[in-house]
Amino acid sequence: MPLGPDVDFDRLSEAELSGGEIKNAVLNAARRALARGEKENVSMADFEEAVRMETGGKWTGKGLAIGFQGDGNRVSETVVIKP
């Protein structure tokens, strides 16, 4: 899909995203553009919303860390640790 002329990679690079989150943001931006019509460019607004979806936890489980508790040989229970 072509990029819109308004896409600013310098501004997008300011978001603190992991490699997987970057991939998700790119795919979600493309999905937003496709939803508007098959010949639409991927716009800066598409990328900004996709980044918001990643950083805001809309599609992720951010805010929860998963830990395990056990005797060293096997896991006896899963504990959800809230920050």
C-alpha atoms as a PDB file:
ATOM      1  CA  MET A   1       0.000   0.000   0.000  1.00  0.00           C
ATOM      2  CA  PRO A   2       1.299   3.461  -0.757  1.00  0.00           C
ATOM      3  CA  LEU A   3       2.074   5.921   2.011  1.00  0.00           C
ATOM      4  CA  GLY A   4       0.378   9.275   2.173  1.00  0.00           C
ATOM      5  CA  PRO A   5       2.524  12.387   1.727  1.00  0.00           C
ATOM      6  CA  ASP A   6       1.800  13.398   5.327  1.00  0.00           C
ATOM      7  CA  VAL A   7       3.529  10.377   6.952  1.00  0.00           C
ATOM      8  CA  ASP A   8       6.319  11.667   9.219  1.00  0.00           C
ATOM      9  CA  PHE A   9       8.661   8.860  10.259  1.00  0.00           C
ATOM     10  CA  ASP A  10      10.695  11.180  12.478  1.00  0.00           C
ATOM     11  CA  ARG A  11       7.591  11.898  14.548  1.00  0.00           C
ATOM     12  CA  LEU A  12       6.545   8.246  14.552  1.00  0.00           C
ATOM     13  CA  SER A  13       9.998   7.217  15.791  1.00  0.00           C
ATOM     14  CA  GLU A  14       9.382   9.137  19.016  1.00  0.00           C
ATOM     15  CA  ALA A  15       6.935   6.447  20.172  1.00  0.00           C
ATOM     16  CA  GLU A  16       8.512   3.891  22.487  1.00  0.00           C
ATOM     17  CA  LEU A  17       7.506   0.615  20.850  1.00  0.00           C
ATOM     18  CA  SER A  18       9.088  -2.819  20.722  1.00  0.00           C
ATOM     19  CA  GLY A  19       9.686  -4.548  17.394  1.00  0.00           C
ATOM     20  CA  GLY A  20       6.457  -6.511  17.708  1.00  0.00           C
ATOM     21  CA  GLU A  21       4.485  -3.384  18.580  1.00  0.00           C
ATOM     22  CA  ILE A  22       5.936  -1.594  15.540  1.00  0.00           C
ATOM     23  CA  LYS A  23       4.845  -4.500  13.342  1.00  0.00           C
ATOM     24  CA  ASN A  24       1.348  -4.414  14.872  1.00  0.00           C
ATOM     25  CA  ALA A  25       1.111  -0.639  14.416  1.00  0.00           C
ATOM     26  CA  VAL A  26       2.089  -0.899  10.731  1.00  0.00           C
ATOM     27  CA  LEU A  27      -0.439  -3.661  10.105  1.00  0.00           C
ATOM     28  CA  ASN A  28      -3.213  -1.813  11.948  1.00  0.00           C
ATOM     29  CA  ALA A  29      -2.472   1.422  10.067  1.00  0.00           C
ATOM     30  CA  ALA A  30      -2.785  -0.495   6.787  1.00  0.00           C
ATOM     31  CA  ARG A  31      -6.052  -2.066   7.958  1.00  0.00           C
ATOM     32  CA  ARG A  32      -7.464   1.375   8.744  1.00  0.00           C
ATOM     33  CA  ALA A  33      -6.559   2.591   5.253  1.00  0.00           C
ATOM     34  CA  LEU A  34      -8.083  -0.496   3.636  1.00  0.00           C
ATOM     35  CA  ALA A  35     -11.299   0.052   5.580  1.00  0.00           C
ATOM     36  CA  ARG A  36     -11.638   3.468   3.906  1.00  0.00           C
ATOM     37  CA  GLY A  37     -11.243   2.046   0.403  1.00  0.00           C
ATOM     38  CA  GLU A  38      -8.924  -0.205  -1.538  1.00  0.00           C
ATOM     39  CA  LYS A  39      -7.012   2.618  -3.237  1.00  0.00           C
ATOM     40  CA  GLU A  40      -6.395   4.736  -0.141  1.00  0.00           C
ATOM     41  CA  ASN A  41      -2.928   5.715   1.037  1.00  0.00           C
ATOM     42  CA  VAL A  42      -1.857   4.923   4.588  1.00  0.00           C
ATOM     43  CA  SER A  43      -1.995   8.325   6.276  1.00  0.00           C
ATOM     44  CA  MET A  44      -0.275   9.787   9.311  1.00  0.00           C
ATOM     45  CA  ALA A  45      -3.642   9.650  11.103  1.00  0.00           C
ATOM     46  CA  ASP A  46      -3.744   5.881  10.455  1.00  0.00           C
ATOM     47  CA  PHE A  47      -0.288   5.465  11.970  1.00  0.00           C
ATOM     48  CA  GLU A  48      -1.067   7.738  14.930  1.00  0.00           C
ATOM     49  CA  GLU A  49      -4.210   5.777  15.801  1.00  0.00           C
ATOM     50  CA  ALA A  50      -2.373   2.471  15.402  1.00  0.00           C
ATOM     51  CA  VAL A  51       0.402   3.675  17.730  1.00  0.00           C
ATOM     52  CA  ARG A  52      -2.238   4.834  20.243  1.00  0.00           C
ATOM     53  CA  MET A  53      -3.801   1.362  20.091  1.00  0.00           C
ATOM     54  CA  GLU A  54      -0.434  -0.201  20.957  1.00  0.00           C
ATOM     55  CA  THR A  55       0.706   2.247  23.629  1.00  0.00           C
ATOM     56  CA  GLY A  56      -2.720   2.581  25.202  1.00  0.00           C
ATOM     57  CA  GLY A  57      -3.049  -1.141  25.721  1.00  0.00           C
ATOM     58  CA  LYS A  58      -6.173  -1.370  23.580  1.00  0.00           C
ATOM     59  CA  TRP A  59      -4.859  -4.522  21.882  1.00  0.00           C
ATOM     60  CA  THR A  60      -2.289  -5.616  24.465  1.00  0.00           C
ATOM     61  CA  GLY A  61      -2.246  -6.805  28.052  1.00  0.00           C
ATOM     62  CA  LYS A  62      -0.019  -3.942  29.172  1.00  0.00           C
ATOM     63  CA  GLY A  63      -0.170  -3.076  32.821  1.00  0.00           C
ATOM     64  CA  LEU A  64      -0.009  -6.670  34.002  1.00  0.00           C
ATOM     65  CA  ALA A  65       3.104  -8.721  34.552  1.00  0.00           C
ATOM     66  CA  ILE A  66       2.666 -12.475  34.774  1.00  0.00           C
ATOM     67  CA  GLY A  67       4.800 -14.352  37.275  1.00  0.00           C
ATOM     68  CA  PHE A  68       5.058 -17.945  38.410  1.00  0.00           C
ATOM     69  CA  GLN A  69       5.287 -19.430  41.866  1.00  0.00           C
ATOM     70  CA  GLY A  70       6.627 -22.906  42.494  1.00  0.00           C
ATOM     71  CA  ASP A  71       9.105 -25.109  44.320  1.00  0.00           C
ATOM     72  CA  GLY A  72      11.860 -24.723  41.696  1.00  0.00           C
ATOM     73  CA  ASN A  73      10.965 -27.925  39.841  1.00  0.00           C
ATOM     74  CA  ARG A  74       7.424 -27.202  38.729  1.00  0.00           C
ATOM     75  CA  VAL A  75       4.958 -24.358  38.649  1.00  0.00           C
ATOM     76  CA  SER A  76       2.307 -24.639  41.315  1.00  0.00           C
ATOM     77  CA  GLU A  77       0.258 -21.564  40.529  1.00  0.00           C
ATOM     78  CA  THR A  78       0.185 -18.517  38.306  1.00  0.00           C
ATOM     79  CA  VAL A  79       0.230 -15.139  40.010  1.00  0.00           C
ATOM     80  CA  VAL A  80      -0.840 -11.898  38.339  1.00  0.00           C
ATOM     81  CA  ILE A  81       1.303  -9.048  39.614  1.00  0.00           C
ATOM     82  CA  LYS A  82      -0.127  -5.553  39.259  1.00  0.00           C
ATOM     83  CA  PRO A  83       2.393  -2.682  38.977  1.00  0.00           C
END
